[in-house]
N, C-alpha and C. Protein backbone atom coordinates (compact mmCIF):
# COMPACT_ATOMS: atom_id res chain seq x y z
N MET A 1 -12.46 7.66 -6.61
CA MET A 1 -11.83 6.93 -5.50
C MET A 1 -11.45 5.52 -5.97
N SER A 2 -10.22 5.11 -5.70
CA SER A 2 -9.74 3.78 -6.09
C SER A 2 -10.34 2.70 -5.20
N ASN A 3 -10.42 1.51 -5.74
CA ASN A 3 -10.74 0.33 -4.95
C ASN A 3 -9.41 -0.34 -4.58
N PHE A 4 -9.22 -0.65 -3.30
CA PHE A 4 -7.96 -1.27 -2.93
C PHE A 4 -8.05 -2.00 -1.60
N LEU A 5 -7.06 -2.86 -1.38
CA LEU A 5 -6.85 -3.52 -0.10
C LEU A 5 -5.50 -3.09 0.42
N ALA A 6 -5.43 -2.68 1.70
CA ALA A 6 -4.16 -2.29 2.32
C ALA A 6 -3.98 -3.07 3.61
N ILE A 7 -2.76 -3.49 3.88
CA ILE A 7 -2.44 -4.37 5.01
C ILE A 7 -1.30 -3.77 5.81
N ASP A 8 -1.42 -3.78 7.13
CA ASP A 8 -0.32 -3.37 7.99
C ASP A 8 -0.12 -4.42 9.08
N THR A 9 0.96 -5.18 8.95
CA THR A 9 1.33 -6.18 9.95
C THR A 9 2.72 -5.89 10.51
N SER A 10 3.13 -4.62 10.45
CA SER A 10 4.51 -4.26 10.78
C SER A 10 4.77 -4.09 12.27
N SER A 11 3.72 -4.09 13.08
CA SER A 11 3.89 -3.84 14.51
C SER A 11 3.08 -4.85 15.32
N ARG A 12 2.85 -4.53 16.60
CA ARG A 12 2.07 -5.42 17.46
C ARG A 12 0.62 -5.52 17.02
N TYR A 13 0.14 -4.44 16.42
CA TYR A 13 -1.24 -4.42 15.95
C TYR A 13 -1.33 -5.01 14.55
N LEU A 14 -2.56 -5.18 14.08
CA LEU A 14 -2.83 -5.61 12.72
C LEU A 14 -3.94 -4.73 12.17
N THR A 15 -3.74 -4.18 10.98
CA THR A 15 -4.76 -3.35 10.34
C THR A 15 -4.99 -3.83 8.92
N VAL A 16 -6.25 -4.00 8.56
CA VAL A 16 -6.64 -4.33 7.19
C VAL A 16 -7.68 -3.31 6.76
N LEU A 17 -7.48 -2.72 5.59
CA LEU A 17 -8.40 -1.72 5.07
C LEU A 17 -8.85 -2.13 3.68
N ALA A 18 -10.16 -2.21 3.46
CA ALA A 18 -10.72 -2.45 2.14
C ALA A 18 -11.54 -1.23 1.74
N VAL A 19 -11.27 -0.69 0.57
CA VAL A 19 -11.97 0.50 0.08
C VAL A 19 -12.63 0.17 -1.25
N ASN A 20 -13.93 0.39 -1.30
CA ASN A 20 -14.71 0.16 -2.51
C ASN A 20 -15.46 1.45 -2.83
N GLY A 21 -14.84 2.29 -3.67
CA GLY A 21 -15.44 3.60 -3.95
C GLY A 21 -15.48 4.45 -2.70
N GLU A 22 -16.68 4.85 -2.32
CA GLU A 22 -16.84 5.67 -1.13
C GLU A 22 -16.97 4.82 0.14
N LYS A 23 -17.03 3.51 0.00
CA LYS A 23 -17.21 2.64 1.16
C LYS A 23 -15.86 2.18 1.69
N LYS A 24 -15.66 2.33 2.97
CA LYS A 24 -14.39 1.99 3.61
C LYS A 24 -14.65 1.07 4.79
N VAL A 25 -13.95 -0.06 4.83
CA VAL A 25 -14.06 -0.99 5.96
C VAL A 25 -12.67 -1.17 6.56
N LEU A 26 -12.52 -0.76 7.81
CA LEU A 26 -11.24 -0.86 8.51
C LEU A 26 -11.35 -1.92 9.60
N ARG A 27 -10.46 -2.88 9.55
CA ARG A 27 -10.38 -3.93 10.58
C ARG A 27 -9.06 -3.72 11.34
N HIS A 28 -9.16 -3.51 12.63
CA HIS A 28 -7.96 -3.24 13.43
C HIS A 28 -7.99 -4.07 14.70
N ARG A 29 -6.87 -4.75 14.95
CA ARG A 29 -6.71 -5.50 16.20
C ARG A 29 -5.49 -4.94 16.93
N GLY A 30 -5.65 -4.76 18.23
CA GLY A 30 -4.60 -4.11 19.01
C GLY A 30 -3.35 -4.94 19.15
N ASP A 31 -3.24 -5.72 20.19
CA ASP A 31 -2.01 -6.45 20.46
C ASP A 31 -2.15 -7.89 19.97
N CYS A 32 -1.66 -8.14 18.77
CA CYS A 32 -1.73 -9.50 18.22
C CYS A 32 -0.36 -9.94 17.72
N ALA A 33 0.69 -9.47 18.39
CA ALA A 33 2.05 -9.86 18.02
C ALA A 33 2.18 -11.38 18.03
N MET A 34 2.90 -11.89 17.06
CA MET A 34 3.15 -13.33 16.87
C MET A 34 1.92 -14.07 16.37
N ARG A 35 0.82 -13.36 16.08
CA ARG A 35 -0.38 -14.03 15.58
C ARG A 35 -0.83 -13.47 14.22
N HIS A 36 -0.02 -12.64 13.63
CA HIS A 36 -0.42 -12.05 12.35
C HIS A 36 -0.77 -13.11 11.31
N SER A 37 0.08 -14.12 11.19
CA SER A 37 -0.14 -15.14 10.17
C SER A 37 -1.40 -15.95 10.43
N VAL A 38 -1.82 -16.02 11.69
CA VAL A 38 -3.00 -16.82 12.05
C VAL A 38 -4.29 -16.09 11.71
N ILE A 39 -4.33 -14.79 11.95
CA ILE A 39 -5.59 -14.05 11.84
C ILE A 39 -5.69 -13.14 10.62
N LEU A 40 -4.59 -12.98 9.87
CA LEU A 40 -4.61 -12.01 8.77
C LEU A 40 -5.67 -12.35 7.73
N MET A 41 -5.73 -13.58 7.27
CA MET A 41 -6.64 -13.91 6.17
C MET A 41 -8.10 -13.77 6.59
N GLU A 42 -8.44 -14.11 7.83
CA GLU A 42 -9.83 -13.93 8.26
C GLU A 42 -10.20 -12.45 8.34
N GLU A 43 -9.24 -11.61 8.69
CA GLU A 43 -9.50 -10.17 8.71
C GLU A 43 -9.64 -9.62 7.29
N ILE A 44 -8.84 -10.13 6.37
CA ILE A 44 -8.96 -9.71 4.97
C ILE A 44 -10.32 -10.13 4.41
N ASP A 45 -10.73 -11.38 4.69
CA ASP A 45 -12.04 -11.84 4.22
C ASP A 45 -13.16 -10.97 4.76
N ALA A 46 -13.07 -10.62 6.06
CA ALA A 46 -14.11 -9.80 6.68
C ALA A 46 -14.13 -8.40 6.08
N ALA A 47 -12.95 -7.85 5.78
CA ALA A 47 -12.89 -6.51 5.18
C ALA A 47 -13.47 -6.52 3.77
N PHE A 48 -13.10 -7.52 2.98
CA PHE A 48 -13.65 -7.64 1.62
C PHE A 48 -15.18 -7.75 1.66
N GLU A 49 -15.66 -8.62 2.55
CA GLU A 49 -17.11 -8.84 2.64
C GLU A 49 -17.83 -7.56 3.07
N GLY A 50 -17.27 -6.87 4.06
CA GLY A 50 -17.90 -5.65 4.55
C GLY A 50 -17.95 -4.55 3.51
N ALA A 51 -16.92 -4.51 2.66
CA ALA A 51 -16.86 -3.47 1.63
C ALA A 51 -17.57 -3.87 0.35
N GLY A 52 -18.02 -5.14 0.28
CA GLY A 52 -18.63 -5.61 -0.96
C GLY A 52 -17.65 -5.61 -2.11
N LEU A 53 -16.42 -6.05 -1.81
CA LEU A 53 -15.31 -5.95 -2.76
C LEU A 53 -14.66 -7.32 -2.95
N SER A 54 -14.21 -7.60 -4.15
CA SER A 54 -13.46 -8.82 -4.44
C SER A 54 -12.06 -8.45 -4.88
N PRO A 55 -11.09 -9.37 -4.77
CA PRO A 55 -9.72 -9.05 -5.20
C PRO A 55 -9.65 -8.59 -6.66
N SER A 56 -10.46 -9.18 -7.53
CA SER A 56 -10.40 -8.81 -8.94
C SER A 56 -10.88 -7.38 -9.19
N GLU A 57 -11.63 -6.81 -8.24
CA GLU A 57 -12.14 -5.45 -8.39
C GLU A 57 -11.18 -4.40 -7.83
N CYS A 58 -10.11 -4.84 -7.19
CA CYS A 58 -9.15 -3.89 -6.61
C CYS A 58 -8.27 -3.29 -7.71
N ASP A 59 -7.97 -2.01 -7.57
CA ASP A 59 -7.06 -1.34 -8.49
C ASP A 59 -5.61 -1.58 -8.10
N PHE A 60 -5.36 -1.82 -6.82
CA PHE A 60 -4.02 -2.13 -6.35
C PHE A 60 -4.10 -2.77 -4.97
N PHE A 61 -2.97 -3.33 -4.54
CA PHE A 61 -2.86 -3.93 -3.21
C PHE A 61 -1.66 -3.28 -2.50
N ALA A 62 -1.89 -2.80 -1.29
CA ALA A 62 -0.86 -2.08 -0.55
C ALA A 62 -0.48 -2.83 0.72
N ALA A 63 0.77 -2.67 1.13
CA ALA A 63 1.23 -3.23 2.39
C ALA A 63 2.27 -2.30 3.00
N VAL A 64 2.31 -2.28 4.32
CA VAL A 64 3.32 -1.51 5.03
C VAL A 64 4.61 -2.33 5.06
N THR A 65 5.69 -1.72 4.59
CA THR A 65 6.93 -2.45 4.36
C THR A 65 7.98 -2.24 5.46
N GLY A 66 7.60 -1.56 6.55
CA GLY A 66 8.51 -1.38 7.66
C GLY A 66 9.04 0.04 7.76
N PRO A 67 9.92 0.25 8.73
CA PRO A 67 10.48 -0.76 9.63
C PRO A 67 9.49 -1.17 10.72
N GLY A 68 9.86 -2.24 11.41
CA GLY A 68 9.03 -2.77 12.47
C GLY A 68 9.39 -4.22 12.72
N SER A 69 8.37 -5.04 12.95
CA SER A 69 8.59 -6.47 13.19
C SER A 69 9.05 -7.14 11.90
N PHE A 70 10.23 -7.77 11.94
CA PHE A 70 10.78 -8.40 10.74
C PHE A 70 9.82 -9.46 10.19
N THR A 71 9.31 -10.32 11.08
CA THR A 71 8.40 -11.37 10.64
C THR A 71 7.08 -10.79 10.17
N GLY A 72 6.54 -9.83 10.93
CA GLY A 72 5.27 -9.22 10.56
C GLY A 72 5.33 -8.55 9.19
N ILE A 73 6.42 -7.85 8.91
CA ILE A 73 6.57 -7.18 7.62
C ILE A 73 6.52 -8.20 6.49
N ARG A 74 7.22 -9.31 6.64
CA ARG A 74 7.25 -10.33 5.59
C ARG A 74 5.87 -10.93 5.36
N ILE A 75 5.10 -11.10 6.43
CA ILE A 75 3.75 -11.66 6.30
C ILE A 75 2.86 -10.74 5.48
N GLY A 76 2.88 -9.44 5.79
CA GLY A 76 2.06 -8.48 5.05
C GLY A 76 2.46 -8.37 3.60
N ILE A 77 3.76 -8.32 3.33
CA ILE A 77 4.24 -8.22 1.96
C ILE A 77 3.86 -9.47 1.16
N ALA A 78 4.02 -10.64 1.77
CA ALA A 78 3.68 -11.88 1.08
C ALA A 78 2.20 -11.93 0.71
N ALA A 79 1.34 -11.48 1.62
CA ALA A 79 -0.10 -11.48 1.35
C ALA A 79 -0.43 -10.52 0.21
N ALA A 80 0.11 -9.32 0.24
CA ALA A 80 -0.16 -8.35 -0.81
C ALA A 80 0.34 -8.84 -2.16
N LYS A 81 1.54 -9.41 -2.18
CA LYS A 81 2.09 -9.92 -3.43
C LYS A 81 1.25 -11.07 -3.98
N GLY A 82 0.74 -11.91 -3.09
CA GLY A 82 -0.09 -13.02 -3.53
C GLY A 82 -1.37 -12.54 -4.21
N PHE A 83 -2.04 -11.58 -3.58
CA PHE A 83 -3.25 -11.02 -4.17
C PHE A 83 -2.95 -10.32 -5.49
N ALA A 84 -1.88 -9.53 -5.51
CA ALA A 84 -1.54 -8.77 -6.72
C ALA A 84 -1.21 -9.70 -7.88
N LEU A 85 -0.49 -10.77 -7.60
CA LEU A 85 -0.13 -11.72 -8.65
C LEU A 85 -1.37 -12.42 -9.19
N ALA A 86 -2.25 -12.85 -8.27
CA ALA A 86 -3.44 -13.58 -8.68
C ALA A 86 -4.40 -12.69 -9.48
N ALA A 87 -4.50 -11.42 -9.08
CA ALA A 87 -5.45 -10.50 -9.73
C ALA A 87 -4.83 -9.72 -10.88
N GLY A 88 -3.51 -9.81 -11.03
CA GLY A 88 -2.84 -9.06 -12.08
C GLY A 88 -2.89 -7.56 -11.85
N LYS A 89 -2.76 -7.13 -10.60
CA LYS A 89 -2.86 -5.71 -10.25
C LYS A 89 -1.56 -5.22 -9.61
N PRO A 90 -1.34 -3.90 -9.58
CA PRO A 90 -0.09 -3.35 -9.04
C PRO A 90 0.01 -3.46 -7.52
N LEU A 91 1.25 -3.36 -7.06
CA LEU A 91 1.57 -3.29 -5.64
C LEU A 91 1.89 -1.86 -5.26
N VAL A 92 1.53 -1.48 -4.04
CA VAL A 92 1.85 -0.15 -3.53
C VAL A 92 2.48 -0.29 -2.15
N SER A 93 3.68 0.24 -1.99
CA SER A 93 4.39 0.18 -0.72
C SER A 93 4.11 1.43 0.11
N VAL A 94 3.94 1.23 1.41
CA VAL A 94 3.80 2.33 2.35
C VAL A 94 4.73 2.04 3.52
N THR A 95 5.61 2.96 3.87
CA THR A 95 6.49 2.73 5.00
C THR A 95 5.78 3.09 6.31
N SER A 96 6.27 2.53 7.39
CA SER A 96 5.73 2.88 8.71
C SER A 96 5.91 4.36 8.99
N PHE A 97 7.01 4.94 8.51
CA PHE A 97 7.25 6.36 8.70
C PHE A 97 6.20 7.21 7.98
N GLU A 98 5.83 6.79 6.78
CA GLU A 98 4.82 7.53 6.02
C GLU A 98 3.47 7.48 6.71
N LEU A 99 3.13 6.36 7.33
CA LEU A 99 1.88 6.28 8.08
C LEU A 99 1.82 7.36 9.16
N ILE A 100 2.92 7.53 9.84
CA ILE A 100 2.99 8.55 10.89
C ILE A 100 2.93 9.94 10.26
N ALA A 101 3.69 10.15 9.19
CA ALA A 101 3.79 11.48 8.58
C ALA A 101 2.44 12.00 8.10
N TYR A 102 1.58 11.12 7.60
CA TYR A 102 0.29 11.57 7.09
C TYR A 102 -0.65 12.01 8.21
N ASN A 103 -0.27 11.78 9.45
CA ASN A 103 -1.08 12.22 10.59
C ASN A 103 -0.52 13.46 11.26
N VAL A 104 0.55 14.03 10.71
CA VAL A 104 1.22 15.18 11.34
C VAL A 104 1.10 16.40 10.41
N THR A 105 0.82 17.55 11.00
CA THR A 105 0.60 18.75 10.19
C THR A 105 1.75 19.75 10.24
N CYS A 106 2.68 19.63 11.19
CA CYS A 106 3.76 20.62 11.27
C CYS A 106 4.78 20.41 10.15
N ASP A 107 5.61 21.44 9.91
CA ASP A 107 6.52 21.44 8.76
C ASP A 107 7.82 20.68 8.99
N ARG A 108 8.18 20.47 10.24
CA ARG A 108 9.42 19.75 10.53
C ARG A 108 9.20 18.85 11.73
N PHE A 109 9.45 17.56 11.56
CA PHE A 109 9.22 16.61 12.66
C PHE A 109 9.96 15.31 12.35
N TYR A 110 9.99 14.45 13.35
CA TYR A 110 10.61 13.13 13.19
C TYR A 110 9.60 12.05 13.52
N ALA A 111 9.47 11.09 12.62
CA ALA A 111 8.63 9.91 12.85
C ALA A 111 9.48 8.88 13.59
N VAL A 112 8.91 8.35 14.68
CA VAL A 112 9.68 7.48 15.58
C VAL A 112 8.95 6.16 15.77
N ILE A 113 9.70 5.05 15.68
CA ILE A 113 9.16 3.71 15.87
C ILE A 113 10.05 2.98 16.86
N ASP A 114 9.45 2.35 17.83
CA ASP A 114 10.20 1.63 18.86
C ASP A 114 10.95 0.45 18.24
N ALA A 115 12.26 0.41 18.44
CA ALA A 115 13.08 -0.69 17.94
C ALA A 115 13.55 -1.60 19.07
N ALA A 116 13.01 -1.39 20.27
CA ALA A 116 13.32 -2.18 21.46
C ALA A 116 14.71 -1.87 22.01
N HIS A 117 14.91 -2.24 23.26
CA HIS A 117 16.19 -2.06 23.95
C HIS A 117 16.61 -0.59 24.02
N GLY A 118 15.64 0.32 24.12
CA GLY A 118 15.94 1.73 24.26
C GLY A 118 16.40 2.42 23.00
N CYS A 119 16.20 1.76 21.85
CA CYS A 119 16.59 2.35 20.57
C CYS A 119 15.35 2.54 19.69
N TYR A 120 15.53 3.35 18.63
CA TYR A 120 14.37 3.72 17.81
C TYR A 120 14.75 3.82 16.34
N TYR A 121 13.78 3.50 15.49
CA TYR A 121 13.88 3.79 14.07
C TYR A 121 13.33 5.21 13.89
N VAL A 122 14.06 6.03 13.17
CA VAL A 122 13.70 7.44 13.05
C VAL A 122 13.83 7.89 11.59
N CYS A 123 12.88 8.74 11.17
CA CYS A 123 12.95 9.36 9.86
C CYS A 123 12.48 10.80 9.99
N GLY A 124 13.22 11.76 9.42
CA GLY A 124 12.86 13.17 9.55
C GLY A 124 12.13 13.68 8.32
N PHE A 125 11.12 14.52 8.57
CA PHE A 125 10.33 15.11 7.48
C PHE A 125 10.33 16.62 7.60
N GLY A 126 10.38 17.28 6.45
CA GLY A 126 10.27 18.73 6.39
C GLY A 126 8.98 19.15 5.72
N ALA A 127 8.97 20.32 5.13
CA ALA A 127 7.78 20.83 4.45
C ALA A 127 7.37 19.89 3.32
N ASP A 128 6.07 19.75 3.12
CA ASP A 128 5.51 18.89 2.08
C ASP A 128 5.93 17.43 2.24
N LYS A 129 6.23 17.06 3.48
CA LYS A 129 6.59 15.67 3.81
C LYS A 129 7.86 15.20 3.08
N LYS A 130 8.74 16.13 2.74
CA LYS A 130 10.03 15.77 2.15
C LYS A 130 10.95 15.22 3.23
N ILE A 131 11.65 14.14 2.93
CA ILE A 131 12.53 13.51 3.92
C ILE A 131 13.78 14.35 4.10
N ILE A 132 14.04 14.75 5.35
CA ILE A 132 15.23 15.53 5.66
C ILE A 132 16.25 14.71 6.44
N LEU A 133 15.81 13.59 7.00
CA LEU A 133 16.71 12.63 7.64
C LEU A 133 16.28 11.24 7.18
N PRO A 134 17.11 10.56 6.38
CA PRO A 134 16.75 9.23 5.91
C PRO A 134 16.57 8.26 7.09
N PRO A 135 15.83 7.19 6.90
CA PRO A 135 15.61 6.22 7.97
C PRO A 135 16.91 5.78 8.62
N CYS A 136 16.92 5.82 9.96
CA CYS A 136 18.13 5.47 10.70
C CYS A 136 17.75 4.81 12.03
N TYR A 137 18.75 4.30 12.70
CA TYR A 137 18.59 3.57 13.96
C TYR A 137 19.36 4.33 15.03
N LEU A 138 18.62 4.90 16.01
CA LEU A 138 19.24 5.78 16.99
C LEU A 138 18.94 5.34 18.42
N SER A 139 19.80 5.76 19.32
CA SER A 139 19.53 5.56 20.75
C SER A 139 18.45 6.54 21.19
N GLY A 140 17.92 6.32 22.39
CA GLY A 140 16.93 7.24 22.92
C GLY A 140 17.48 8.64 23.07
N GLU A 141 18.71 8.76 23.55
CA GLU A 141 19.33 10.07 23.74
C GLU A 141 19.51 10.78 22.40
N GLN A 142 19.98 10.06 21.39
CA GLN A 142 20.16 10.66 20.08
C GLN A 142 18.82 11.13 19.50
N THR A 143 17.79 10.36 19.74
CA THR A 143 16.46 10.71 19.22
C THR A 143 15.93 11.97 19.89
N GLU A 144 16.09 12.06 21.21
CA GLU A 144 15.62 13.25 21.93
C GLU A 144 16.39 14.51 21.55
N ASN A 145 17.63 14.33 21.10
CA ASN A 145 18.47 15.49 20.77
C ASN A 145 18.33 15.96 19.32
N LEU A 146 17.37 15.44 18.60
CA LEU A 146 17.21 15.81 17.20
C LEU A 146 16.71 17.25 17.03
N GLY A 147 16.03 17.77 18.04
CA GLY A 147 15.67 19.18 18.01
C GLY A 147 14.39 19.54 17.30
N ALA A 148 13.49 18.59 17.09
CA ALA A 148 12.18 18.87 16.49
C ALA A 148 11.18 17.90 17.11
N PRO A 149 9.89 18.18 16.98
CA PRO A 149 8.88 17.29 17.58
C PRO A 149 8.99 15.86 17.07
N LEU A 150 8.67 14.93 17.95
CA LEU A 150 8.70 13.50 17.65
C LEU A 150 7.27 12.98 17.63
N TYR A 151 6.96 12.13 16.66
CA TYR A 151 5.62 11.57 16.55
C TYR A 151 5.69 10.07 16.26
N GLY A 152 4.67 9.36 16.74
CA GLY A 152 4.57 7.93 16.46
C GLY A 152 3.24 7.38 16.89
N PHE A 153 3.05 6.06 16.73
CA PHE A 153 1.79 5.40 17.07
C PHE A 153 1.82 4.68 18.41
N GLU A 154 3.01 4.55 18.97
CA GLU A 154 3.18 3.73 20.17
C GLU A 154 3.35 4.60 21.41
N ASP A 155 3.27 3.96 22.58
CA ASP A 155 3.58 4.64 23.83
C ASP A 155 5.11 4.62 24.00
N ILE A 156 5.73 5.76 23.78
CA ILE A 156 7.19 5.85 23.80
C ILE A 156 7.62 6.90 24.82
N PRO A 157 8.52 6.54 25.75
CA PRO A 157 8.92 7.47 26.82
C PRO A 157 10.03 8.43 26.42
N LEU A 158 9.75 9.30 25.45
CA LEU A 158 10.74 10.27 25.01
C LEU A 158 10.20 11.69 25.21
N LYS A 159 11.10 12.61 25.49
CA LYS A 159 10.71 14.02 25.60
C LYS A 159 10.27 14.53 24.22
N ASN A 160 9.33 15.45 24.24
CA ASN A 160 8.86 16.08 23.00
C ASN A 160 8.19 15.10 22.05
N TYR A 161 7.67 13.99 22.61
CA TYR A 161 7.03 12.95 21.80
C TYR A 161 5.52 13.03 21.92
N THR A 162 4.82 12.86 20.78
CA THR A 162 3.36 12.85 20.75
C THR A 162 2.87 11.58 20.06
N LYS A 163 1.96 10.89 20.72
CA LYS A 163 1.35 9.70 20.13
C LYS A 163 0.18 10.12 19.26
N THR A 164 0.14 9.64 18.02
CA THR A 164 -0.93 10.00 17.10
C THR A 164 -1.88 8.83 16.87
N ASP A 165 -3.00 9.10 16.24
CA ASP A 165 -4.03 8.09 15.97
C ASP A 165 -3.69 7.35 14.68
N ILE A 166 -3.71 6.03 14.74
CA ILE A 166 -3.34 5.24 13.57
C ILE A 166 -4.50 4.98 12.62
N SER A 167 -5.72 5.22 13.05
CA SER A 167 -6.90 4.67 12.39
C SER A 167 -7.02 4.99 10.91
N ASP A 168 -6.80 6.23 10.50
CA ASP A 168 -7.02 6.60 9.11
C ASP A 168 -5.73 6.68 8.28
N SER A 169 -4.64 6.23 8.83
CA SER A 169 -3.35 6.43 8.16
C SER A 169 -3.25 5.70 6.84
N LEU A 170 -3.67 4.44 6.79
CA LEU A 170 -3.60 3.69 5.54
C LEU A 170 -4.50 4.31 4.48
N PHE A 171 -5.65 4.80 4.90
CA PHE A 171 -6.60 5.41 3.98
C PHE A 171 -6.01 6.67 3.35
N LYS A 172 -5.20 7.39 4.11
CA LYS A 172 -4.57 8.59 3.59
C LYS A 172 -3.34 8.26 2.73
N ALA A 173 -2.52 7.33 3.21
CA ALA A 173 -1.22 7.10 2.58
C ALA A 173 -1.29 6.24 1.33
N ALA A 174 -2.10 5.19 1.32
CA ALA A 174 -2.08 4.25 0.19
C ALA A 174 -2.45 4.90 -1.14
N PRO A 175 -3.53 5.67 -1.24
CA PRO A 175 -3.85 6.28 -2.55
C PRO A 175 -2.79 7.26 -3.04
N VAL A 176 -2.19 8.01 -2.11
CA VAL A 176 -1.14 8.95 -2.51
C VAL A 176 0.05 8.19 -3.08
N ASN A 177 0.48 7.14 -2.39
CA ASN A 177 1.61 6.35 -2.86
C ASN A 177 1.29 5.62 -4.16
N ALA A 178 0.02 5.27 -4.35
CA ALA A 178 -0.38 4.61 -5.60
C ALA A 178 -0.18 5.52 -6.79
N ARG A 179 -0.33 6.82 -6.58
CA ARG A 179 -0.18 7.78 -7.68
C ARG A 179 1.29 8.04 -8.01
N VAL A 180 2.17 7.84 -7.04
CA VAL A 180 3.58 8.16 -7.28
C VAL A 180 4.48 6.93 -7.24
N GLY A 181 3.92 5.76 -6.92
CA GLY A 181 4.73 4.56 -6.72
C GLY A 181 5.19 3.95 -8.03
N ASN A 182 6.12 2.96 -7.89
CA ASN A 182 6.66 2.29 -9.07
C ASN A 182 6.24 0.83 -9.15
N GLY A 183 5.34 0.40 -8.28
CA GLY A 183 4.83 -0.96 -8.34
C GLY A 183 5.72 -2.00 -7.70
N LYS A 184 6.88 -1.58 -7.16
CA LYS A 184 7.78 -2.53 -6.51
C LYS A 184 7.49 -2.58 -5.02
N MET A 185 7.79 -3.70 -4.40
CA MET A 185 7.56 -3.83 -2.96
C MET A 185 8.68 -4.65 -2.33
N THR A 186 9.46 -3.99 -1.49
CA THR A 186 10.52 -4.66 -0.74
C THR A 186 10.47 -4.16 0.70
N ALA A 187 10.90 -5.00 1.60
CA ALA A 187 10.89 -4.65 3.02
C ALA A 187 11.92 -3.55 3.30
N LEU A 188 11.54 -2.64 4.19
CA LEU A 188 12.46 -1.59 4.64
C LEU A 188 13.06 -2.03 5.96
N TYR A 189 14.29 -2.52 5.91
CA TYR A 189 15.01 -2.92 7.11
C TYR A 189 16.07 -1.87 7.41
N VAL A 190 15.92 -1.16 8.51
CA VAL A 190 16.86 -0.11 8.87
C VAL A 190 18.10 -0.70 9.54
N ARG A 191 17.95 -1.85 10.14
CA ARG A 191 19.09 -2.54 10.75
C ARG A 191 18.93 -4.03 10.50
N LYS A 192 19.95 -4.80 10.81
CA LYS A 192 19.88 -6.24 10.65
C LYS A 192 19.01 -6.85 11.75
N SER A 193 18.42 -7.99 11.43
CA SER A 193 17.60 -8.68 12.42
C SER A 193 18.47 -9.21 13.56
N GLN A 194 17.83 -9.56 14.67
CA GLN A 194 18.57 -10.11 15.82
C GLN A 194 19.30 -11.39 15.43
N ALA A 195 18.67 -12.22 14.60
CA ALA A 195 19.29 -13.47 14.17
C ALA A 195 20.55 -13.19 13.34
N GLU A 196 20.47 -12.18 12.46
CA GLU A 196 21.63 -11.83 11.64
C GLU A 196 22.76 -11.28 12.49
N GLU A 197 22.41 -10.45 13.48
CA GLU A 197 23.42 -9.89 14.38
C GLU A 197 24.09 -11.01 15.18
N ALA A 198 23.31 -11.98 15.64
CA ALA A 198 23.85 -13.09 16.41
C ALA A 198 24.77 -13.96 15.55
N ARG A 199 24.38 -14.17 14.30
CA ARG A 199 25.20 -14.97 13.39
C ARG A 199 26.53 -14.29 13.11
N LYS A 200 26.49 -12.95 13.02
CA LYS A 200 27.71 -12.19 12.76
C LYS A 200 28.68 -12.33 13.92
N CYS A 201 28.13 -12.40 15.16
CA CYS A 201 28.97 -12.51 16.34
C CYS A 201 29.54 -13.91 16.48
């Protein structure tokens, strides 16, 4: 079992996971939107302490790269990159879609993330978690008409939608991505930010 730190600041919640061999410490806060930068480091410190782990003992540092909150994503990526640079260890990217996918057992489904204003970020998965629909930005009607089960972590008012448990997702996804990843970490933005859209107008 690898030693690692994984961070998810991509949504309203905040999750920090520290794994030291067989010991796992998960720190999760529900609704802390706009406060990620304030509480992230104290949660990381608590996770490290609980797991009896130091940054130098980590094999890699993982962060959720989106889609989701533009600011939250940048905060998580910056923290992971800082630790990785200081410790000289690799980075591992995990998308928000992959977090959902690791909690779903059926062969064909769509991972759905609320993008506000009645629209959604969507990614389709087939057998063996192969992507059959690349990340896209759809209306609620378009999402409901995809023709396969919809899954996500949030309360979303869509037909054929199931809310899944987020608790063990990082623990499942980060080690798998560490084995197949390339050590690069960039934010996954499916659409432009509100500020960019406003500037364009």
